[in-house]
């Protein structure tokens, strides 16, 4: 549940409440933490636990050390600030932008961060396919064009 909520940038309090309710059930947290380590999403799990504890007062076992992790608390504080700001302003989080420093920061390893950035830069989106229509056999061209299209968009914004 934490991984899915991270995908959406912890956009709303509902995800935190769902995790909090799930944590009230009987579970083997040590096994969950071991699996998160194995799947390289431990930081995402700890962020979910941190938000659940901080925002809703969910009780955590004493053997968890994520409270002492300044990176998790910094990300968690930023997420909760944005979450409540959006709630107050009745905003829905814009998920159209595929890149965010949040998604980069919640990755556990440098390799995961690199793979995320690589996918965002080179994997074509629906807009890429629409902007440059080519026959199906030349679809690979979109992977080459995308970085240049992103540079063009950013330069257009900079000099607009």
N, C-alpha and C. Protein backbone atom coordinates (compact mmCIF):
# COMPACT_ATOMS: atom_id res chain seq x y z
N UNK A 1 0.82 -1.18 0.00
CA UNK A 1 0.00 0.00 0.00
C UNK A 1 0.87 1.26 0.00
N UNK A 2 1.98 1.22 0.70
CA UNK A 2 2.89 2.37 0.72
C UNK A 2 3.49 2.63 -0.65
N UNK A 3 3.83 1.56 -1.37
CA UNK A 3 4.42 1.72 -2.70
C UNK A 3 3.41 2.37 -3.63
N UNK A 4 2.17 1.93 -3.58
CA UNK A 4 1.13 2.50 -4.44
C UNK A 4 0.88 3.97 -4.09
N UNK A 5 0.84 4.29 -2.82
CA UNK A 5 0.63 5.67 -2.40
C UNK A 5 1.82 6.55 -2.83
N UNK A 6 3.02 6.00 -2.78
CA UNK A 6 4.20 6.75 -3.24
C UNK A 6 4.11 7.02 -4.73
N UNK A 7 3.58 6.07 -5.46
CA UNK A 7 3.41 6.28 -6.91
C UNK A 7 2.58 7.53 -7.16
N UNK A 8 1.58 7.75 -6.34
CA UNK A 8 0.70 8.91 -6.48
C UNK A 8 1.17 10.09 -5.61
N UNK A 9 2.35 9.99 -5.03
CA UNK A 9 2.92 11.09 -4.26
C UNK A 9 2.20 11.37 -2.96
N UNK A 10 1.56 10.35 -2.40
CA UNK A 10 0.78 10.51 -1.16
C UNK A 10 -0.13 11.73 -1.31
N UNK A 11 -0.91 11.73 -2.38
CA UNK A 11 -1.70 12.90 -2.77
C UNK A 11 -2.83 13.23 -1.79
N UNK A 12 -3.29 12.25 -1.04
CA UNK A 12 -4.41 12.55 -0.14
C UNK A 12 -4.30 11.77 1.17
N UNK A 13 -5.05 12.22 2.12
CA UNK A 13 -5.03 11.63 3.47
C UNK A 13 -5.67 10.25 3.49
N UNK A 14 -6.50 9.96 2.51
CA UNK A 14 -7.17 8.65 2.46
C UNK A 14 -6.16 7.50 2.43
N UNK A 15 -5.08 7.67 1.67
CA UNK A 15 -4.07 6.61 1.60
C UNK A 15 -3.43 6.38 2.97
N UNK A 16 -3.19 7.45 3.70
CA UNK A 16 -2.60 7.33 5.04
C UNK A 16 -3.59 6.63 5.97
N UNK A 17 -4.87 7.00 5.88
CA UNK A 17 -5.89 6.38 6.73
C UNK A 17 -6.04 4.89 6.41
N UNK A 18 -5.99 4.53 5.13
CA UNK A 18 -6.08 3.13 4.75
C UNK A 18 -4.91 2.33 5.32
N UNK A 19 -3.72 2.88 5.23
CA UNK A 19 -2.55 2.21 5.78
C UNK A 19 -2.66 2.10 7.30
N UNK A 20 -3.14 3.14 7.93
CA UNK A 20 -3.30 3.13 9.38
C UNK A 20 -4.26 2.02 9.82
N UNK A 21 -5.36 1.88 9.10
CA UNK A 21 -6.32 0.82 9.43
C UNK A 21 -5.72 -0.56 9.19
N UNK A 22 -4.95 -0.69 8.13
CA UNK A 22 -4.30 -1.96 7.83
C UNK A 22 -3.31 -2.34 8.92
N UNK A 23 -2.63 -1.34 9.47
CA UNK A 23 -1.63 -1.60 10.51
C UNK A 23 -2.25 -2.01 11.84
N UNK A 24 -3.54 -1.80 12.01
CA UNK A 24 -4.23 -2.21 13.24
C UNK A 24 -4.47 -3.72 13.28
N UNK A 25 -4.33 -4.36 12.14
CA UNK A 25 -4.52 -5.81 12.07
C UNK A 25 -3.27 -6.53 12.55
N UNK A 26 -3.41 -7.83 12.74
CA UNK A 26 -2.27 -8.64 13.17
C UNK A 26 -1.39 -8.92 11.95
N UNK A 27 -0.12 -8.56 12.04
CA UNK A 27 0.80 -8.72 10.93
C UNK A 27 2.20 -8.94 11.47
N UNK A 28 3.04 -9.49 10.63
CA UNK A 28 4.44 -9.71 10.99
C UNK A 28 5.26 -8.59 10.35
N UNK A 29 5.47 -7.53 11.10
CA UNK A 29 6.15 -6.35 10.57
C UNK A 29 7.59 -6.65 10.18
N UNK A 30 8.25 -7.54 10.91
CA UNK A 30 9.63 -7.89 10.55
C UNK A 30 9.70 -8.51 9.16
N UNK A 31 8.73 -9.37 8.85
CA UNK A 31 8.68 -9.99 7.53
C UNK A 31 8.39 -8.95 6.46
N UNK A 32 7.52 -8.01 6.76
CA UNK A 32 7.19 -6.94 5.81
C UNK A 32 8.43 -6.09 5.54
N UNK A 33 9.17 -5.74 6.57
CA UNK A 33 10.39 -4.94 6.41
C UNK A 33 11.43 -5.72 5.62
N UNK A 34 11.55 -7.02 5.88
CA UNK A 34 12.49 -7.86 5.11
C UNK A 34 12.12 -7.90 3.64
N UNK A 35 10.82 -8.04 3.36
CA UNK A 35 10.37 -8.04 1.96
C UNK A 35 10.62 -6.68 1.31
N UNK A 36 10.38 -5.61 2.03
CA UNK A 36 10.63 -4.28 1.49
C UNK A 36 12.11 -4.09 1.17
N UNK A 37 12.97 -4.62 2.01
CA UNK A 37 14.41 -4.56 1.73
C UNK A 37 14.76 -5.36 0.48
N UNK A 38 14.18 -6.54 0.39
CA UNK A 38 14.43 -7.40 -0.76
C UNK A 38 13.95 -6.75 -2.05
N UNK A 39 12.81 -6.09 -2.00
CA UNK A 39 12.22 -5.46 -3.19
C UNK A 39 12.71 -4.03 -3.40
N UNK A 40 13.62 -3.58 -2.56
CA UNK A 40 14.21 -2.24 -2.62
C UNK A 40 13.15 -1.14 -2.56
N UNK A 41 12.23 -1.28 -1.62
CA UNK A 41 11.23 -0.23 -1.41
C UNK A 41 11.07 0.06 0.09
N UNK A 42 12.15 -0.14 0.82
CA UNK A 42 12.14 0.06 2.27
C UNK A 42 11.85 1.52 2.62
N UNK A 43 12.41 2.45 1.85
CA UNK A 43 12.19 3.87 2.12
C UNK A 43 10.71 4.22 1.93
N UNK A 44 10.07 3.61 0.92
CA UNK A 44 8.64 3.85 0.69
C UNK A 44 7.80 3.32 1.85
N UNK A 45 8.16 2.13 2.34
CA UNK A 45 7.46 1.55 3.49
C UNK A 45 7.63 2.44 4.72
N UNK A 46 8.85 2.84 4.99
CA UNK A 46 9.11 3.68 6.16
C UNK A 46 8.40 5.02 6.06
N UNK A 47 8.30 5.57 4.85
CA UNK A 47 7.58 6.82 4.67
C UNK A 47 6.10 6.63 5.01
N UNK A 48 5.52 5.53 4.57
CA UNK A 48 4.12 5.24 4.90
C UNK A 48 3.91 5.07 6.39
N UNK A 49 4.81 4.36 7.04
CA UNK A 49 4.71 4.18 8.49
C UNK A 49 4.88 5.51 9.21
N UNK A 50 5.81 6.32 8.73
CA UNK A 50 6.04 7.64 9.34
C UNK A 50 4.79 8.51 9.23
N UNK A 51 4.21 8.57 8.04
CA UNK A 51 3.00 9.40 7.84
C UNK A 51 1.83 8.90 8.68
N UNK A 52 1.68 7.58 8.73
CA UNK A 52 0.60 7.00 9.52
C UNK A 52 0.75 7.34 11.00
N UNK A 53 1.98 7.27 11.49
CA UNK A 53 2.24 7.58 12.90
C UNK A 53 2.10 9.08 13.16
N UNK A 54 2.69 9.90 12.29
CA UNK A 54 2.70 11.34 12.51
C UNK A 54 1.31 11.96 12.37
N UNK A 55 0.59 11.58 11.32
CA UNK A 55 -0.68 12.24 11.03
C UNK A 55 -1.87 11.65 11.77
N UNK A 56 -1.83 10.33 12.01
CA UNK A 56 -2.99 9.68 12.61
C UNK A 56 -2.68 8.99 13.94
N UNK A 57 -1.44 9.10 14.40
CA UNK A 57 -1.09 8.54 15.70
C UNK A 57 -1.08 7.03 15.76
N UNK A 58 -0.89 6.38 14.64
CA UNK A 58 -0.85 4.92 14.61
C UNK A 58 0.33 4.43 15.43
N UNK A 59 0.07 3.47 16.31
CA UNK A 59 1.13 2.93 17.17
C UNK A 59 2.01 1.98 16.38
N UNK A 60 3.31 2.13 16.58
CA UNK A 60 4.29 1.29 15.90
C UNK A 60 5.07 0.49 16.93
N UNK A 61 5.53 -0.70 16.54
CA UNK A 61 6.39 -1.46 17.44
C UNK A 61 7.67 -0.70 17.74
N UNK A 62 8.24 -0.91 18.90
CA UNK A 62 9.42 -0.18 19.34
C UNK A 62 10.69 -0.50 18.57
N UNK A 63 10.70 -1.64 17.84
CA UNK A 63 11.92 -2.02 17.15
C UNK A 63 12.13 -1.31 15.81
N UNK A 64 11.19 -0.48 15.41
CA UNK A 64 11.36 0.26 14.16
C UNK A 64 12.21 1.49 14.39
N UNK A 65 13.15 1.73 13.50
CA UNK A 65 14.08 2.84 13.67
C UNK A 65 13.87 3.95 12.64
N UNK A 66 12.75 3.90 11.88
CA UNK A 66 12.55 4.91 10.85
C UNK A 66 12.34 6.31 11.42
N UNK A 67 11.97 6.39 12.70
CA UNK A 67 11.78 7.70 13.34
C UNK A 67 13.09 8.49 13.37
N UNK A 68 14.20 7.76 13.47
CA UNK A 68 15.50 8.40 13.59
C UNK A 68 16.10 8.77 12.24
N UNK A 69 15.45 8.38 11.15
CA UNK A 69 15.97 8.63 9.81
C UNK A 69 15.55 10.03 9.37
N UNK A 70 16.52 10.93 9.28
CA UNK A 70 16.20 12.33 8.94
C UNK A 70 15.67 12.47 7.51
N UNK A 71 16.09 11.58 6.60
CA UNK A 71 15.60 11.64 5.22
C UNK A 71 14.11 11.32 5.18
N UNK A 72 13.71 10.27 5.90
CA UNK A 72 12.30 9.89 5.94
C UNK A 72 11.47 11.00 6.58
N UNK A 73 11.94 11.56 7.68
CA UNK A 73 11.16 12.61 8.34
C UNK A 73 11.08 13.86 7.47
N UNK A 74 12.14 14.19 6.74
CA UNK A 74 12.10 15.36 5.86
C UNK A 74 11.11 15.15 4.71
N UNK A 75 11.18 13.98 4.07
CA UNK A 75 10.24 13.68 2.99
C UNK A 75 8.82 13.66 3.54
N UNK A 76 8.63 13.02 4.69
CA UNK A 76 7.31 12.94 5.31
C UNK A 76 6.74 14.30 5.66
N UNK A 77 7.56 15.18 6.19
CA UNK A 77 7.10 16.54 6.51
C UNK A 77 6.72 17.31 5.25
N UNK A 78 7.50 17.14 4.19
CA UNK A 78 7.17 17.80 2.92
C UNK A 78 5.86 17.26 2.34
N UNK A 79 5.71 15.93 2.37
CA UNK A 79 4.49 15.31 1.85
C UNK A 79 3.26 15.79 2.61
N UNK A 80 3.35 15.80 3.93
CA UNK A 80 2.19 16.21 4.73
C UNK A 80 1.88 17.69 4.52
N UNK A 81 2.89 18.52 4.35
CA UNK A 81 2.65 19.95 4.10
C UNK A 81 1.93 20.15 2.77
N UNK A 82 2.39 19.45 1.73
CA UNK A 82 1.73 19.57 0.42
C UNK A 82 0.32 18.98 0.47
N UNK A 83 0.18 17.86 1.17
CA UNK A 83 -1.13 17.20 1.28
C UNK A 83 -2.16 18.15 1.90
N UNK A 84 -1.79 18.79 2.99
CA UNK A 84 -2.74 19.67 3.67
C UNK A 84 -2.92 20.99 2.93
N UNK A 85 -1.88 21.45 2.27
CA UNK A 85 -2.02 22.67 1.45
C UNK A 85 -3.02 22.41 0.32
N UNK A 86 -2.90 21.28 -0.34
CA UNK A 86 -3.84 20.93 -1.41
C UNK A 86 -5.25 20.74 -0.86
N UNK A 87 -5.35 20.18 0.34
CA UNK A 87 -6.66 19.98 0.95
C UNK A 87 -7.32 21.32 1.27
N UNK A 88 -6.54 22.25 1.82
CA UNK A 88 -7.07 23.57 2.16
C UNK A 88 -7.48 24.33 0.90
N UNK A 89 -6.66 24.22 -0.14
CA UNK A 89 -6.95 24.94 -1.38
C UNK A 89 -7.85 24.15 -2.33
N UNK A 90 -8.30 22.97 -1.89
CA UNK A 90 -9.17 22.09 -2.69
C UNK A 90 -8.56 21.77 -4.04
N UNK A 91 -7.27 21.50 -4.04
CA UNK A 91 -6.57 21.16 -5.27
C UNK A 91 -6.44 19.65 -5.37
N UNK A 92 -6.47 19.18 -6.60
CA UNK A 92 -6.18 17.79 -6.89
C UNK A 92 -4.77 17.75 -7.43
N UNK A 93 -3.96 16.85 -6.92
CA UNK A 93 -2.57 16.79 -7.35
C UNK A 93 -2.50 16.47 -8.83
N UNK A 94 -1.70 17.26 -9.53
CA UNK A 94 -1.50 17.06 -10.96
C UNK A 94 -0.50 15.93 -11.15
N UNK A 95 -0.96 14.84 -11.72
CA UNK A 95 -0.05 13.71 -11.94
C UNK A 95 0.37 13.61 -13.40
N UNK A 96 0.09 14.65 -14.18
CA UNK A 96 0.47 14.63 -15.59
C UNK A 96 1.98 14.71 -15.76
N UNK A 97 2.65 15.38 -14.85
CA UNK A 97 4.10 15.50 -14.94
C UNK A 97 4.72 14.21 -14.42
N UNK A 98 5.42 13.50 -15.26
CA UNK A 98 5.94 12.20 -14.89
C UNK A 98 7.14 12.27 -13.96
N UNK A 99 7.88 13.36 -14.01
CA UNK A 99 9.08 13.47 -13.17
C UNK A 99 8.78 14.30 -11.93
N UNK A 100 9.28 13.85 -10.82
CA UNK A 100 9.23 14.66 -9.60
C UNK A 100 10.41 14.26 -8.71
N UNK A 101 10.92 15.23 -7.99
CA UNK A 101 12.01 14.93 -7.07
C UNK A 101 11.53 14.01 -5.94
N UNK A 102 10.24 14.09 -5.61
CA UNK A 102 9.69 13.17 -4.61
C UNK A 102 9.91 11.73 -5.04
N UNK A 103 9.53 11.41 -6.29
CA UNK A 103 9.67 10.04 -6.77
C UNK A 103 11.14 9.62 -6.86
N UNK A 104 12.00 10.57 -7.11
CA UNK A 104 13.42 10.27 -7.13
C UNK A 104 13.93 10.01 -5.71
N UNK A 105 13.49 10.80 -4.75
CA UNK A 105 13.96 10.68 -3.36
C UNK A 105 13.49 9.42 -2.65
N UNK A 106 12.34 8.87 -3.03
CA UNK A 106 11.84 7.69 -2.31
C UNK A 106 12.44 6.39 -2.84
N UNK A 107 13.29 6.48 -3.84
CA UNK A 107 13.99 5.29 -4.33
C UNK A 107 15.09 4.94 -3.34
N UNK A 108 15.28 3.63 -3.11
CA UNK A 108 16.26 3.17 -2.12
C UNK A 108 17.70 3.25 -2.59
N UNK A 109 17.96 2.89 -3.82
CA UNK A 109 19.35 2.82 -4.27
C UNK A 109 19.60 3.78 -5.43
N UNK A 110 20.87 4.03 -5.68
CA UNK A 110 21.25 4.89 -6.80
C UNK A 110 20.79 4.28 -8.12
N UNK A 111 20.89 2.97 -8.23
CA UNK A 111 20.47 2.30 -9.47
C UNK A 111 18.98 2.51 -9.71
N UNK A 112 18.15 2.39 -8.65
CA UNK A 112 16.72 2.64 -8.79
C UNK A 112 16.46 4.08 -9.23
N UNK A 113 17.20 5.02 -8.66
CA UNK A 113 17.04 6.43 -9.03
C UNK A 113 17.43 6.65 -10.49
N UNK A 114 18.52 6.03 -10.91
CA UNK A 114 18.97 6.15 -12.29
C UNK A 114 17.93 5.54 -13.24
N UNK A 115 17.43 4.36 -12.92
CA UNK A 115 16.43 3.71 -13.78
C UNK A 115 15.16 4.55 -13.88
N UNK A 116 14.73 5.15 -12.78
CA UNK A 116 13.55 6.01 -12.80
C UNK A 116 13.77 7.19 -13.74
N UNK A 117 14.90 7.88 -13.56
CA UNK A 117 15.20 9.05 -14.41
C UNK A 117 15.33 8.64 -15.87
N UNK A 118 15.96 7.52 -16.13
CA UNK A 118 16.13 7.04 -17.50
C UNK A 118 14.77 6.77 -18.15
N UNK A 119 13.87 6.12 -17.40
CA UNK A 119 12.53 5.84 -17.94
C UNK A 119 11.78 7.12 -18.25
N UNK A 120 11.85 8.08 -17.34
CA UNK A 120 11.13 9.33 -17.54
C UNK A 120 11.67 10.09 -18.76
N UNK A 121 12.97 10.06 -18.93
CA UNK A 121 13.57 10.80 -20.03
C UNK A 121 13.34 10.12 -21.38
N UNK A 122 13.44 8.81 -21.43
CA UNK A 122 13.44 8.13 -22.73
C UNK A 122 12.16 7.40 -23.09
N UNK A 123 11.31 7.04 -22.13
CA UNK A 123 10.11 6.29 -22.48
C UNK A 123 9.04 7.23 -23.03
N UNK A 124 8.62 7.01 -24.27
CA UNK A 124 7.63 7.91 -24.87
C UNK A 124 6.27 7.84 -24.17
N UNK A 125 5.59 8.96 -24.20
CA UNK A 125 4.24 9.05 -23.65
C UNK A 125 3.25 9.18 -24.80
N UNK A 126 2.00 9.24 -24.44
CA UNK A 126 0.94 9.42 -25.43
C UNK A 126 1.18 10.71 -26.22
N UNK A 127 1.60 11.77 -25.55
CA UNK A 127 1.87 13.05 -26.22
C UNK A 127 3.00 12.91 -27.24
N UNK A 128 3.98 12.10 -26.93
CA UNK A 128 5.09 11.89 -27.86
C UNK A 128 4.60 11.20 -29.13
N UNK A 129 3.73 10.23 -28.96
CA UNK A 129 3.20 9.51 -30.12
C UNK A 129 2.32 10.44 -30.96
N UNK A 130 1.61 11.35 -30.31
CA UNK A 130 0.75 12.27 -31.05
C UNK A 130 1.54 13.36 -31.77
N UNK A 131 2.61 13.85 -31.16
CA UNK A 131 3.35 14.98 -31.74
C UNK A 131 4.10 14.57 -33.00
N UNK A 132 4.45 13.33 -33.11
CA UNK A 132 5.25 12.89 -34.26
C UNK A 132 4.75 11.52 -34.72
N UNK A 133 3.77 11.54 -35.60
CA UNK A 133 3.19 10.28 -36.09
C UNK A 133 4.14 9.64 -37.11
N UNK A 134 4.47 8.40 -36.86
CA UNK A 134 5.32 7.63 -37.77
C UNK A 134 4.70 6.25 -37.96
N UNK A 135 5.02 5.58 -39.04
CA UNK A 135 4.50 4.22 -39.22
C UNK A 135 4.97 3.31 -38.08
N UNK A 136 4.20 2.29 -37.79
CA UNK A 136 4.49 1.39 -36.67
C UNK A 136 5.88 0.81 -36.68
N UNK A 137 6.40 0.50 -37.86
CA UNK A 137 7.73 -0.10 -37.93
C UNK A 137 8.83 0.89 -37.55
N UNK A 138 8.52 2.19 -37.50
CA UNK A 138 9.48 3.20 -37.10
C UNK A 138 9.18 3.77 -35.71
N UNK A 139 8.39 3.05 -34.93
CA UNK A 139 8.01 3.51 -33.60
C UNK A 139 9.19 3.74 -32.67
N UNK A 140 10.30 3.06 -32.92
CA UNK A 140 11.50 3.22 -32.09
C UNK A 140 12.02 4.66 -32.12
N UNK A 141 11.67 5.39 -33.16
CA UNK A 141 12.14 6.78 -33.29
C UNK A 141 11.66 7.64 -32.13
N UNK A 142 10.50 7.31 -31.57
CA UNK A 142 9.97 8.09 -30.45
C UNK A 142 10.92 8.07 -29.24
N UNK A 143 11.63 6.97 -29.05
CA UNK A 143 12.59 6.88 -27.95
C UNK A 143 13.77 7.82 -28.16
N UNK A 144 14.10 8.09 -29.41
CA UNK A 144 15.19 9.01 -29.74
C UNK A 144 14.70 10.46 -29.67
N UNK A 145 13.48 10.69 -30.13
CA UNK A 145 12.93 12.05 -30.21
C UNK A 145 12.57 12.60 -28.83
N UNK A 146 12.11 11.76 -27.91
CA UNK A 146 11.60 12.23 -26.63
C UNK A 146 12.55 13.16 -25.87
N UNK A 147 13.84 12.82 -25.69
CA UNK A 147 14.71 13.73 -24.94
C UNK A 147 14.80 15.12 -25.59
N UNK A 148 14.83 15.16 -26.91
CA UNK A 148 14.90 16.44 -27.60
C UNK A 148 13.60 17.23 -27.45
N UNK A 149 12.48 16.51 -27.46
CA UNK A 149 11.19 17.18 -27.24
C UNK A 149 11.12 17.77 -25.84
N UNK A 150 11.64 17.04 -24.84
CA UNK A 150 11.65 17.55 -23.46
C UNK A 150 12.54 18.79 -23.35
N UNK A 151 13.69 18.77 -24.01
CA UNK A 151 14.57 19.94 -23.99
C UNK A 151 13.87 21.13 -24.64
N UNK A 152 13.22 20.89 -25.77
CA UNK A 152 12.50 21.96 -26.47
C UNK A 152 11.41 22.56 -25.58
N UNK A 153 10.66 21.70 -24.90
CA UNK A 153 9.59 22.18 -24.00
C UNK A 153 10.16 23.04 -22.89
N UNK A 154 11.25 22.57 -22.27
CA UNK A 154 11.84 23.33 -21.16
C UNK A 154 12.42 24.66 -21.63
N UNK A 155 13.05 24.66 -22.81
CA UNK A 155 13.58 25.93 -23.35
C UNK A 155 12.46 26.88 -23.73
N UNK A 156 11.36 26.34 -24.23
CA UNK A 156 10.20 27.18 -24.57
C UNK A 156 9.65 27.85 -23.32
N UNK A 157 9.60 27.11 -22.22
CA UNK A 157 9.11 27.68 -20.96
C UNK A 157 10.08 28.74 -20.43
N UNK A 158 11.36 28.47 -20.60
CA UNK A 158 12.38 29.37 -20.09
C UNK A 158 12.38 30.71 -20.82
N UNK A 159 12.19 30.66 -22.12
CA UNK A 159 12.25 31.88 -22.93
C UNK A 159 10.88 32.41 -23.35
N UNK A 160 9.82 31.90 -22.73
CA UNK A 160 8.47 32.37 -23.10
C UNK A 160 8.14 33.68 -22.42
